[in-house]
């Protein structure tokens, strides 16, 4: 089997500095998730997700909105962040930084 230069992975096309900066960004995102307890979506984002998932409470909220003329019947969605999620993302960022910080 002969490999040519055309069959190169996506990560090898990136420069070493770009991969290192990507690792730093992933680390910072992980640290941000470690610092948060839960995420609160806006009403617009909550309505968008409810429409995409055909949430049964959305039909009731829309009928109340038509009757009352206000969109206050849909509370914002709270998303709880797992404790291990931020640590896993931060660890992935550290691994990317270590892999791309040495001599090459």
PDB file of N, CA and C in Angstrom:
ATOM      1  N   UNK A   1       0.848  -1.163   0.000  1.00  0.00           N
ATOM      2  CA  UNK A   1       0.000   0.000   0.000  1.00  0.00           C
ATOM      3  C   UNK A   1       0.902   1.236   0.000  1.00  0.00           C
ATOM      4  N   UNK A   2       0.660   2.107  -0.939  1.00  0.00           N
ATOM      5  CA  UNK A   2       1.486   3.312  -1.082  1.00  0.00           C
ATOM      6  C   UNK A   2       0.682   4.514  -0.615  1.00  0.00           C
ATOM      7  N   UNK A   3       1.285   5.296   0.289  1.00  0.00           N
ATOM      8  CA  UNK A   3       0.632   6.510   0.768  1.00  0.00           C
ATOM      9  C   UNK A   3       1.229   7.704   0.049  1.00  0.00           C
ATOM     10  N   UNK A   4       0.364   8.564  -0.398  1.00  0.00           N
ATOM     11  CA  UNK A   4       0.831   9.780  -1.060  1.00  0.00           C
ATOM     12  C   UNK A   4       0.658  10.963  -0.127  1.00  0.00           C
ATOM     13  N   UNK A   5       1.162  12.114  -0.534  1.00  0.00           N
ATOM     14  CA  UNK A   5       1.045  13.321   0.279  1.00  0.00           C
ATOM     15  C   UNK A   5      -0.385  13.829   0.344  1.00  0.00           C
ATOM     16  N   UNK A   6      -1.252  13.372  -0.542  1.00  0.00           N
ATOM     17  CA  UNK A   6      -2.632  13.843  -0.552  1.00  0.00           C
ATOM     18  C   UNK A   6      -3.427  13.299   0.635  1.00  0.00           C
ATOM     19  N   UNK A   7      -3.010  12.168   1.177  1.00  0.00           N
ATOM     20  CA  UNK A   7      -3.725  11.547   2.294  1.00  0.00           C
ATOM     21  C   UNK A   7      -3.068  11.956   3.601  1.00  0.00           C
ATOM     22  N   UNK A   8      -3.289  13.202   3.995  1.00  0.00           N
ATOM     23  CA  UNK A   8      -2.726  13.733   5.227  1.00  0.00           C
ATOM     24  C   UNK A   8      -3.890  14.093   6.139  1.00  0.00           C
ATOM     25  N   UNK A   9      -3.733  13.788   7.429  1.00  0.00           N
ATOM     26  CA  UNK A   9      -4.821  14.078   8.361  1.00  0.00           C
ATOM     27  C   UNK A   9      -4.981  15.579   8.538  1.00  0.00           C
ATOM     28  N   UNK A  10      -6.129  15.970   9.033  1.00  0.00           N
ATOM     29  CA  UNK A  10      -6.440  17.387   9.224  1.00  0.00           C
ATOM     30  C   UNK A  10      -5.512  18.011  10.255  1.00  0.00           C
ATOM     31  N   UNK A  11      -5.249  17.311  11.373  1.00  0.00           N
ATOM     32  CA  UNK A  11      -4.406  17.875  12.423  1.00  0.00           C
ATOM     33  C   UNK A  11      -2.970  18.075  11.964  1.00  0.00           C
ATOM     34  N   UNK A  12      -2.483  17.271  11.039  1.00  0.00           N
ATOM     35  CA  UNK A  12      -1.102  17.453  10.602  1.00  0.00           C
ATOM     36  C   UNK A  12      -0.970  18.642   9.656  1.00  0.00           C
ATOM     37  N   UNK A  13      -2.065  19.114   9.097  1.00  0.00           N
ATOM     38  CA  UNK A  13      -2.017  20.306   8.248  1.00  0.00           C
ATOM     39  C   UNK A  13      -1.912  21.571   9.082  1.00  0.00           C
ATOM     40  N   UNK A  14      -2.334  21.521  10.347  1.00  0.00           N
ATOM     41  CA  UNK A  14      -2.229  22.677  11.230  1.00  0.00           C
ATOM     42  C   UNK A  14      -0.781  22.818  11.672  1.00  0.00           C
ATOM     43  N   UNK A  15      -0.361  24.042  11.869  1.00  0.00           N
ATOM     44  CA  UNK A  15       0.986  24.245  12.392  1.00  0.00           C
ATOM     45  C   UNK A  15       1.012  23.886  13.873  1.00  0.00           C
ATOM     46  N   UNK A  16       2.221  23.706  14.386  1.00  0.00           N
ATOM     47  CA  UNK A  16       2.366  23.320  15.787  1.00  0.00           C
ATOM     48  C   UNK A  16       1.827  24.401  16.716  1.00  0.00           C
ATOM     49  N   UNK A  17       2.053  25.660  16.362  1.00  0.00           N
ATOM     50  CA  UNK A  17       1.570  26.768  17.183  1.00  0.00           C
ATOM     51  C   UNK A  17       0.049  26.817  17.204  1.00  0.00           C
ATOM     52  N   UNK A  18      -0.568  26.527  16.069  1.00  0.00           N
ATOM     53  CA  UNK A  18      -2.036  26.530  16.005  1.00  0.00           C
ATOM     54  C   UNK A  18      -2.617  25.449  16.901  1.00  0.00           C
ATOM     55  N   UNK A  19      -1.998  24.280  16.910  1.00  0.00           N
ATOM     56  CA  UNK A  19      -2.476  23.199  17.765  1.00  0.00           C
ATOM     57  C   UNK A  19      -2.277  23.539  19.236  1.00  0.00           C
ATOM     58  N   UNK A  20      -1.172  24.215  19.568  1.00  0.00           N
ATOM     59  CA  UNK A  20      -0.927  24.628  20.948  1.00  0.00           C
ATOM     60  C   UNK A  20      -1.969  25.646  21.405  1.00  0.00           C
ATOM     61  N   UNK A  21      -2.271  26.617  20.546  1.00  0.00           N
ATOM     62  CA  UNK A  21      -3.286  27.618  20.883  1.00  0.00           C
ATOM     63  C   UNK A  21      -4.657  26.960  21.005  1.00  0.00           C
ATOM     64  N   UNK A  22      -4.949  25.975  20.171  1.00  0.00           N
ATOM     65  CA  UNK A  22      -6.205  25.240  20.284  1.00  0.00           C
ATOM     66  C   UNK A  22      -6.283  24.531  21.636  1.00  0.00           C
ATOM     67  N   UNK A  23      -5.171  23.968  22.101  1.00  0.00           N
ATOM     68  CA  UNK A  23      -5.133  23.342  23.414  1.00  0.00           C
ATOM     69  C   UNK A  23      -5.385  24.338  24.531  1.00  0.00           C
ATOM     70  N   UNK A  24      -4.828  25.553  24.407  1.00  0.00           N
ATOM     71  CA  UNK A  24      -5.057  26.587  25.415  1.00  0.00           C
ATOM     72  C   UNK A  24      -6.530  26.977  25.446  1.00  0.00           C
ATOM     73  N   UNK A  25      -7.138  27.123  24.280  1.00  0.00           N
ATOM     74  CA  UNK A  25      -8.557  27.489  24.211  1.00  0.00           C
ATOM     75  C   UNK A  25      -9.425  26.392  24.842  1.00  0.00           C
ATOM     76  N   UNK A  26      -9.119  25.139  24.550  1.00  0.00           N
ATOM     77  CA  UNK A  26      -9.881  24.028  25.133  1.00  0.00           C
ATOM     78  C   UNK A  26      -9.703  24.016  26.651  1.00  0.00           C
ATOM     79  N   UNK A  27      -8.487  24.288  27.127  1.00  0.00           N
ATOM     80  CA  UNK A  27      -8.243  24.368  28.573  1.00  0.00           C
ATOM     81  C   UNK A  27      -9.072  25.477  29.206  1.00  0.00           C
ATOM     82  N   UNK A  28      -9.123  26.648  28.573  1.00  0.00           N
ATOM     83  CA  UNK A  28      -9.899  27.763  29.119  1.00  0.00           C
ATOM     84  C   UNK A  28     -11.393  27.457  29.139  1.00  0.00           C
ATOM     85  N   UNK A  29     -11.881  26.784  28.108  1.00  0.00           N
ATOM     86  CA  UNK A  29     -13.292  26.390  28.093  1.00  0.00           C
ATOM     87  C   UNK A  29     -13.567  25.407  29.232  1.00  0.00           C
ATOM     88  N   UNK A  30     -12.651  24.474  29.466  1.00  0.00           N
ATOM     89  CA  UNK A  30     -12.806  23.537  30.572  1.00  0.00           C
ATOM     90  C   UNK A  30     -12.812  24.237  31.918  1.00  0.00           C
ATOM     91  N   UNK A  31     -11.922  25.231  32.090  1.00  0.00           N
ATOM     92  CA  UNK A  31     -11.908  25.982  33.339  1.00  0.00           C
ATOM     93  C   UNK A  31     -13.205  26.763  33.532  1.00  0.00           C
ATOM     94  N   UNK A  32     -13.752  27.280  32.451  1.00  0.00           N
ATOM     95  CA  UNK A  32     -15.028  27.992  32.533  1.00  0.00           C
ATOM     96  C   UNK A  32     -16.146  27.058  32.989  1.00  0.00           C
ATOM     97  N   UNK A  33     -16.180  25.843  32.432  1.00  0.00           N
ATOM     98  CA  UNK A  33     -17.195  24.877  32.851  1.00  0.00           C
ATOM     99  C   UNK A  33     -16.989  24.446  34.294  1.00  0.00           C
ATOM    100  N   UNK A  34     -15.736  24.370  34.752  1.00  0.00           N
ATOM    101  CA  UNK A  34     -15.482  24.009  36.147  1.00  0.00           C
ATOM    102  C   UNK A  34     -15.989  25.097  37.089  1.00  0.00           C
ATOM    103  N   UNK A  35     -16.012  26.339  36.634  1.00  0.00           N
ATOM    104  CA  UNK A  35     -16.431  27.456  37.482  1.00  0.00           C
ATOM    105  C   UNK A  35     -17.945  27.649  37.499  1.00  0.00           C
ATOM    106  N   UNK A  36     -18.665  27.005  36.596  1.00  0.00           N
ATOM    107  CA  UNK A  36     -20.110  27.203  36.538  1.00  0.00           C
ATOM    108  C   UNK A  36     -20.842  26.036  37.190  1.00  0.00           C
ATOM    109  N   UNK A  37     -21.958  26.352  37.819  1.00  0.00           N
ATOM    110  CA  UNK A  37     -22.795  25.338  38.442  1.00  0.00           C
ATOM    111  C   UNK A  37     -23.903  24.900  37.488  1.00  0.00           C
ATOM    112  N   UNK A  38     -24.530  25.878  36.830  1.00  0.00           N
ATOM    113  CA  UNK A  38     -25.556  25.573  35.843  1.00  0.00           C
ATOM    114  C   UNK A  38     -25.626  26.705  34.823  1.00  0.00           C
ATOM    115  N   UNK A  39     -26.185  26.392  33.672  1.00  0.00           N
ATOM    116  CA  UNK A  39     -26.358  27.358  32.594  1.00  0.00           C
ATOM    117  C   UNK A  39     -27.833  27.709  32.491  1.00  0.00           C
ATOM    118  N   UNK A  40     -28.141  28.979  32.275  1.00  0.00           N
ATOM    119  CA  UNK A  40     -29.526  29.427  32.108  1.00  0.00           C
ATOM    120  C   UNK A  40     -29.663  29.975  30.695  1.00  0.00           C
ATOM    121  N   UNK A  41     -30.539  29.350  29.913  1.00  0.00           N
ATOM    122  CA  UNK A  41     -30.762  29.797  28.544  1.00  0.00           C
ATOM    123  C   UNK A  41     -31.739  30.971  28.518  1.00  0.00           C
ATOM    124  N   UNK A  42     -31.638  31.788  27.482  1.00  0.00           N
ATOM    125  CA  UNK A  42     -32.579  32.885  27.316  1.00  0.00           C
ATOM    126  C   UNK A  42     -33.932  32.326  26.883  1.00  0.00           C
ATOM    127  N   UNK A  43     -34.959  33.163  26.963  1.00  0.00           N
ATOM    128  CA  UNK A  43     -36.297  32.710  26.542  1.00  0.00           C
ATOM    129  C   UNK A  43     -36.328  32.358  25.064  1.00  0.00           C
ATOM    130  N   UNK A  44     -35.582  33.117  24.273  1.00  0.00           N
ATOM    131  CA  UNK A  44     -35.539  32.845  22.834  1.00  0.00           C
ATOM    132  C   UNK A  44     -34.913  31.472  22.566  1.00  0.00           C
ATOM    133  N   UNK A  45     -33.811  31.169  23.245  1.00  0.00           N
ATOM    134  CA  UNK A  45     -33.155  29.868  23.069  1.00  0.00           C
ATOM    135  C   UNK A  45     -34.029  28.739  23.605  1.00  0.00           C
ATOM    136  N   UNK A  46     -34.726  28.992  24.720  1.00  0.00           N
ATOM    137  CA  UNK A  46     -35.619  27.984  25.288  1.00  0.00           C
ATOM    138  C   UNK A  46     -36.765  27.681  24.331  1.00  0.00           C
ATOM    139  N   UNK A  47     -37.357  28.715  23.752  1.00  0.00           N
ATOM    140  CA  UNK A  47     -38.433  28.500  22.780  1.00  0.00           C
ATOM    141  C   UNK A  47     -37.937  27.771  21.548  1.00  0.00           C
ATOM    142  N   UNK A  48     -36.731  28.100  21.084  1.00  0.00           N
ATOM    143  CA  UNK A  48     -36.159  27.426  19.915  1.00  0.00           C
ATOM    144  C   UNK A  48     -35.984  25.935  20.195  1.00  0.00           C
ATOM    145  N   UNK A  49     -35.399  25.594  21.356  1.00  0.00           N
ATOM    146  CA  UNK A  49     -35.220  24.180  21.699  1.00  0.00           C
ATOM    147  C   UNK A  49     -36.545  23.469  21.883  1.00  0.00           C
ATOM    148  N   UNK A  50     -37.534  24.145  22.462  1.00  0.00           N
ATOM    149  CA  UNK A  50     -38.849  23.528  22.653  1.00  0.00           C
ATOM    150  C   UNK A  50     -39.515  23.239  21.308  1.00  0.00           C
ATOM    151  N   UNK A  51     -39.358  24.150  20.363  1.00  0.00           N
ATOM    152  CA  UNK A  51     -39.939  23.912  19.031  1.00  0.00           C
ATOM    153  C   UNK A  51     -39.219  22.784  18.313  1.00  0.00           C
ATOM    154  N   UNK A  52     -37.898  22.704  18.460  1.00  0.00           N
ATOM    155  CA  UNK A  52     -37.130  21.660  17.776  1.00  0.00           C
ATOM    156  C   UNK A  52     -37.433  20.274  18.332  1.00  0.00           C
ATOM    157  N   UNK A  53     -37.744  20.201  19.624  1.00  0.00           N
ATOM    158  CA  UNK A  53     -38.005  18.896  20.244  1.00  0.00           C
ATOM    159  C   UNK A  53     -39.485  18.586  20.383  1.00  0.00           C
ATOM    160  N   UNK A  54     -40.343  19.455  19.875  1.00  0.00           N
ATOM    161  CA  UNK A  54     -41.801  19.283  19.978  1.00  0.00           C
ATOM    162  C   UNK A  54     -42.220  19.037  21.424  1.00  0.00           C
ATOM    163  N   UNK A  55     -41.798  19.911  22.292  1.00  0.00           N
ATOM    164  CA  UNK A  55     -42.103  19.803  23.720  1.00  0.00           C
ATOM    165  C   UNK A  55     -43.599  19.978  23.940  1.00  0.00           C
ATOM    166  N   UNK A  56     -44.241  19.103  24.734  1.00  0.00           N
ATOM    167  CA  UNK A  56     -45.707  19.205  24.910  1.00  0.00           C
ATOM    168  C   UNK A  56     -46.129  20.473  25.653  1.00  0.00           C
ATOM    169  N   UNK A  57     -45.268  21.001  26.495  1.00  0.00           N
ATOM    170  CA  UNK A  57     -45.623  22.217  27.216  1.00  0.00           C
ATOM    171  C   UNK A  57     -45.623  23.447  26.330  1.00  0.00           C
ATOM    172  N   UNK A  58     -44.984  23.341  25.163  1.00  0.00           N
ATOM    173  CA  UNK A  58     -44.922  24.491  24.258  1.00  0.00           C
ATOM    174  C   UNK A  58     -46.284  24.809  23.670  1.00  0.00           C
ATOM    175  N   UNK A  59     -47.070  23.791  23.353  1.00  0.00           N
ATOM    176  CA  UNK A  59     -48.400  24.031  22.787  1.00  0.00           C
ATOM    177  C   UNK A  59     -49.279  24.772  23.787  1.00  0.00           C
ATOM    178  N   UNK A  60     -49.204  24.374  25.046  1.00  0.00           N
ATOM    179  CA  UNK A  60     -49.982  25.065  26.081  1.00  0.00           C
ATOM    180  C   UNK A  60     -49.489  26.492  26.256  1.00  0.00           C
ATOM    181  N   UNK A  61     -48.177  26.681  26.211  1.00  0.00           N
ATOM    182  CA  UNK A  61     -47.615  28.021  26.368  1.00  0.00           C
ATOM    183  C   UNK A  61     -48.000  28.916  25.197  1.00  0.00           C
ATOM    184  N   UNK A  62     -48.009  28.355  23.977  1.00  0.00           N
ATOM    185  CA  UNK A  62     -48.395  29.152  22.812  1.00  0.00           C
ATOM    186  C   UNK A  62     -49.866  29.527  22.862  1.00  0.00           C
ATOM    187  N   UNK A  63     -50.727  28.619  23.331  1.00  0.00           N
ATOM    188  CA  UNK A  63     -52.152  28.956  23.418  1.00  0.00           C
ATOM    189  C   UNK A  63     -52.381  30.021  24.496  1.00  0.00           C
ATOM    190  N   UNK A  64     -51.643  29.941  25.611  1.00  0.00           N
ATOM    191  CA  UNK A  64     -51.742  30.987  26.632  1.00  0.00           C
ATOM    192  C   UNK A  64     -51.206  32.316  26.107  1.00  0.00           C
ATOM    193  N   UNK A  65     -50.164  32.236  25.297  1.00  0.00           N
ATOM    194  CA  UNK A  65     -49.601  33.460  24.717  1.00  0.00           C
ATOM    195  C   UNK A  65     -50.600  34.123  23.782  1.00  0.00           C
ATOM    196  N   UNK A  66     -51.339  33.311  23.026  1.00  0.00           N
ATOM    197  CA  UNK A  66     -52.337  33.878  22.120  1.00  0.00           C
ATOM    198  C   UNK A  66     -53.490  34.511  22.905  1.00  0.00           C
ATOM    199  N   UNK A  67     -53.867  33.890  24.018  1.00  0.00           N
ATOM    200  CA  UNK A  67     -54.957  34.430  24.816  1.00  0.00           C
ATOM    201  C   UNK A  67     -54.558  35.701  25.565  1.00  0.00           C
ATOM    202  N   UNK A  68     -53.376  35.693  26.157  1.00  0.00           N
ATOM    203  CA  UNK A  68     -52.968  36.818  26.995  1.00  0.00           C
ATOM    204  C   UNK A  68     -52.111  37.840  26.265  1.00  0.00           C
ATOM    205  N   UNK A  69     -51.473  37.447  25.171  1.00  0.00           N
ATOM    206  CA  UNK A  69     -50.626  38.373  24.432  1.00  0.00           C
ATOM    207  C   UNK A  69     -49.244  38.552  25.028  1.00  0.00           C
ATOM    208  N   UNK A  70     -48.835  37.675  25.937  1.00  0.00           N
ATOM    209  CA  UNK A  70     -47.504  37.789  26.521  1.00  0.00           C
ATOM    210  C   UNK A  70     -46.792  36.445  26.439  1.00  0.00           C
ATOM    211  N   UNK A  71     -45.461  36.503  26.312  1.00  0.00           N
ATOM    212  CA  UNK A  71     -44.657  35.286  26.186  1.00  0.00           C
ATOM    213  C   UNK A  71     -43.985  34.937  27.509  1.00  0.00           C
ATOM    214  N   UNK A  72     -44.570  35.336  28.622  1.00  0.00           N
ATOM    215  CA  UNK A  72     -43.965  35.103  29.936  1.00  0.00           C
ATOM    216  C   UNK A  72     -44.281  33.717  30.487  1.00  0.00           C
ATOM    217  N   UNK A  73     -44.966  32.874  29.739  1.00  0.00           N
ATOM    218  CA  UNK A  73     -45.403  31.592  30.254  1.00  0.00           C
ATOM    219  C   UNK A  73     -44.368  30.488  30.075  1.00  0.00           C
ATOM    220  N   UNK A  74     -43.315  30.759  29.334  1.00  0.00           N
ATOM    221  CA  UNK A  74     -42.268  29.765  29.143  1.00  0.00           C
ATOM    222  C   UNK A  74     -41.061  30.185  29.974  1.00  0.00           C
ATOM    223  N   UNK A  75     -40.779  29.475  31.059  1.00  0.00           N
ATOM    224  CA  UNK A  75     -39.640  29.858  31.890  1.00  0.00           C
ATOM    225  C   UNK A  75     -38.326  29.501  31.197  1.00  0.00           C
ATOM    226  N   UNK A  76     -37.256  30.226  31.490  1.00  0.00           N
ATOM    227  CA  UNK A  76     -35.960  29.890  30.882  1.00  0.00           C
ATOM    228  C   UNK A  76     -35.485  28.514  31.346  1.00  0.00           C
ATOM    229  N   UNK A  77     -34.785  27.837  30.464  1.00  0.00           N
ATOM    230  CA  UNK A  77     -34.319  26.481  30.739  1.00  0.00           C
ATOM    231  C   UNK A  77     -33.019  26.523  31.533  1.00  0.00           C
ATOM    232  N   UNK A  78     -32.956  25.764  32.617  1.00  0.00           N
ATOM    233  CA  UNK A  78     -31.744  25.619  33.417  1.00  0.00           C
ATOM    234  C   UNK A  78     -31.076  24.297  33.056  1.00  0.00           C
ATOM    235  N   UNK A  79     -29.796  24.357  32.719  1.00  0.00           N
ATOM    236  CA  UNK A  79     -29.030  23.158  32.383  1.00  0.00           C
ATOM    237  C   UNK A  79     -27.970  22.972  33.456  1.00  0.00           C
ATOM    238  N   UNK A  80     -28.031  21.849  34.148  1.00  0.00           N
ATOM    239  CA  UNK A  80     -27.034  21.546  35.168  1.00  0.00           C
ATOM    240  C   UNK A  80     -25.786  20.974  34.501  1.00  0.00           C
ATOM    241  N   UNK A  81     -24.619  21.469  34.903  1.00  0.00           N
ATOM    242  CA  UNK A  81     -23.346  21.018  34.339  1.00  0.00           C
ATOM    243  C   UNK A  81     -22.782  19.939  35.260  1.00  0.00           C
ATOM    244  N   UNK A  82     -22.384  18.806  34.675  1.00  0.00           N
ATOM    245  CA  UNK A  82     -21.784  17.739  35.471  1.00  0.00           C
ATOM    246  C   UNK A  82     -20.441  18.187  36.010  1.00  0.00           C
ATOM    247  N   UNK A  83     -20.090  17.721  37.199  1.00  0.00           N
ATOM    248  CA  UNK A  83     -18.825  18.105  37.819  1.00  0.00           C
ATOM    249  C   UNK A  83     -17.636  17.628  37.000  1.00  0.00           C
ATOM    250  N   UNK A  84     -17.720  16.440  36.442  1.00  0.00           N
ATOM    251  CA  UNK A  84     -16.590  15.865  35.734  1.00  0.00           C
ATOM    252  C   UNK A  84     -16.426  16.450  34.336  1.00  0.00           C
ATOM    253  N   UNK A  85     -17.455  17.109  33.815  1.00  0.00           N
ATOM    254  CA  UNK A  85     -17.415  17.592  32.432  1.00  0.00           C
ATOM    255  C   UNK A  85     -16.333  18.654  32.239  1.00  0.00           C
ATOM    256  N   UNK A  86     -16.292  19.640  33.129  1.00  0.00           N
ATOM    257  CA  UNK A  86     -15.277  20.677  33.023  1.00  0.00           C
ATOM    258  C   UNK A  86     -13.878  20.135  33.213  1.00  0.00           C
ATOM    259  N   UNK A  87     -13.738  19.180  34.142  1.00  0.00           N
ATOM    260  CA  UNK A  87     -12.423  18.575  34.363  1.00  0.00           C
ATOM    261  C   UNK A  87     -11.962  17.797  33.140  1.00  0.00           C
ATOM    262  N   UNK A  88     -12.883  17.098  32.494  1.00  0.00           N
ATOM    263  CA  UNK A  88     -12.522  16.323  31.303  1.00  0.00           C
ATOM    264  C   UNK A  88     -12.087  17.236  30.158  1.00  0.00           C
ATOM    265  N   UNK A  89     -12.797  18.339  29.966  1.00  0.00           N
ATOM    266  CA  UNK A  89     -12.426  19.270  28.898  1.00  0.00           C
ATOM    267  C   UNK A  89     -11.094  19.936  29.212  1.00  0.00           C
ATOM    268  N   UNK A  90     -10.890  20.344  30.474  1.00  0.00           N
ATOM    269  CA  UNK A  90      -9.625  20.961  30.861  1.00  0.00           C
ATOM    270  C   UNK A  90      -8.474  19.974  30.692  1.00  0.00           C
ATOM    271  N   UNK A  91      -8.688  18.719  31.051  1.00  0.00           N
ATOM    272  CA  UNK A  91      -7.653  17.705  30.885  1.00  0.00           C
ATOM    273  C   UNK A  91      -7.322  17.493  29.412  1.00  0.00           C
ATOM    274  N   UNK A  92      -8.333  17.490  28.559  1.00  0.00           N
ATOM    275  CA  UNK A  92      -8.082  17.359  27.124  1.00  0.00           C
ATOM    276  C   UNK A  92      -7.254  18.535  26.618  1.00  0.00           C
ATOM    277  N   UNK A  93      -7.527  19.735  27.117  1.00  0.00           N
ATOM    278  CA  UNK A  93      -6.736  20.894  26.735  1.00  0.00           C
ATOM    279  C   UNK A  93      -5.296  20.780  27.190  1.00  0.00           C
ATOM    280  N   UNK A  94      -5.081  20.273  28.405  1.00  0.00           N
ATOM    281  CA  UNK A  94      -3.712  20.090  28.906  1.00  0.00           C
ATOM    282  C   UNK A  94      -2.971  19.057  28.066  1.00  0.00           C
ATOM    283  N   UNK A  95      -3.643  17.969  27.703  1.00  0.00           N
ATOM    284  CA  UNK A  95      -3.008  16.945  26.873  1.00  0.00           C
ATOM    285  C   UNK A  95      -2.628  17.529  25.516  1.00  0.00           C
ATOM    286  N   UNK A  96      -3.510  18.307  24.917  1.00  0.00           N
ATOM    287  CA  UNK A  96      -3.187  18.939  23.635  1.00  0.00           C
ATOM    288  C   UNK A  96      -1.997  19.889  23.765  1.00  0.00           C
ATOM    289  N   UNK A  97      -1.949  20.632  24.865  1.00  0.00           N
ATOM    290  CA  UNK A  97      -0.840  21.560  25.059  1.00  0.00           C
ATOM    291  C   UNK A  97       0.478  20.817  25.244  1.00  0.00           C
ATOM    292  N   UNK A  98       0.476  19.735  26.023  1.00  0.00           N
ATOM    293  CA  UNK A  98       1.705  18.991  26.262  1.00  0.00           C
ATOM    294  C   UNK A  98       2.194  18.309  24.976  1.00  0.00           C
ATOM    295  N   UNK A  99       1.259  17.752  24.219  1.00  0.00           N
ATOM    296  CA  UNK A  99       1.656  17.078  22.977  1.00  0.00           C
ATOM    297  C   UNK A  99       2.267  18.018  21.954  1.00  0.00           C
ATOM    298  N   UNK A 100       1.862  19.274  21.984  1.00  0.00           N
ATOM    299  CA  UNK A 100       2.310  20.201  20.954  1.00  0.00           C
ATOM    300  C   UNK A 100       3.294  21.227  21.468  1.00  0.00           C
ATOM    301  N   UNK A 101       3.809  21.063  22.678  1.00  0.00           N
ATOM    302  CA  UNK A 101       4.743  22.061  23.203  1.00  0.00           C
ATOM    303  C   UNK A 101       6.192  21.617  23.120  1.00  0.00           C
ATOM    304  N   UNK A 102       6.447  20.373  22.830  1.00  0.00           N
ATOM    305  CA  UNK A 102       7.824  19.874  22.784  1.00  0.00           C
ATOM    306  C   UNK A 102       8.507  20.205  21.461  1.00  0.00           C
ATOM    307  N   UNK A 103       9.755  19.769  21.352  1.00  0.00           N
ATOM    308  CA  UNK A 103      10.510  19.997  20.116  1.00  0.00           C
ATOM    309  C   UNK A 103       9.969  19.101  19.022  1.00  0.00           C
ATOM    310  N   UNK A 104       9.966  19.648  17.812  1.00  0.00           N
ATOM    311  CA  UNK A 104       9.522  18.847  16.678  1.00  0.00           C
ATOM    312  C   UNK A 104      10.050  19.441  15.412  1.00  0.00           C
TER     313      UNK A 104
END
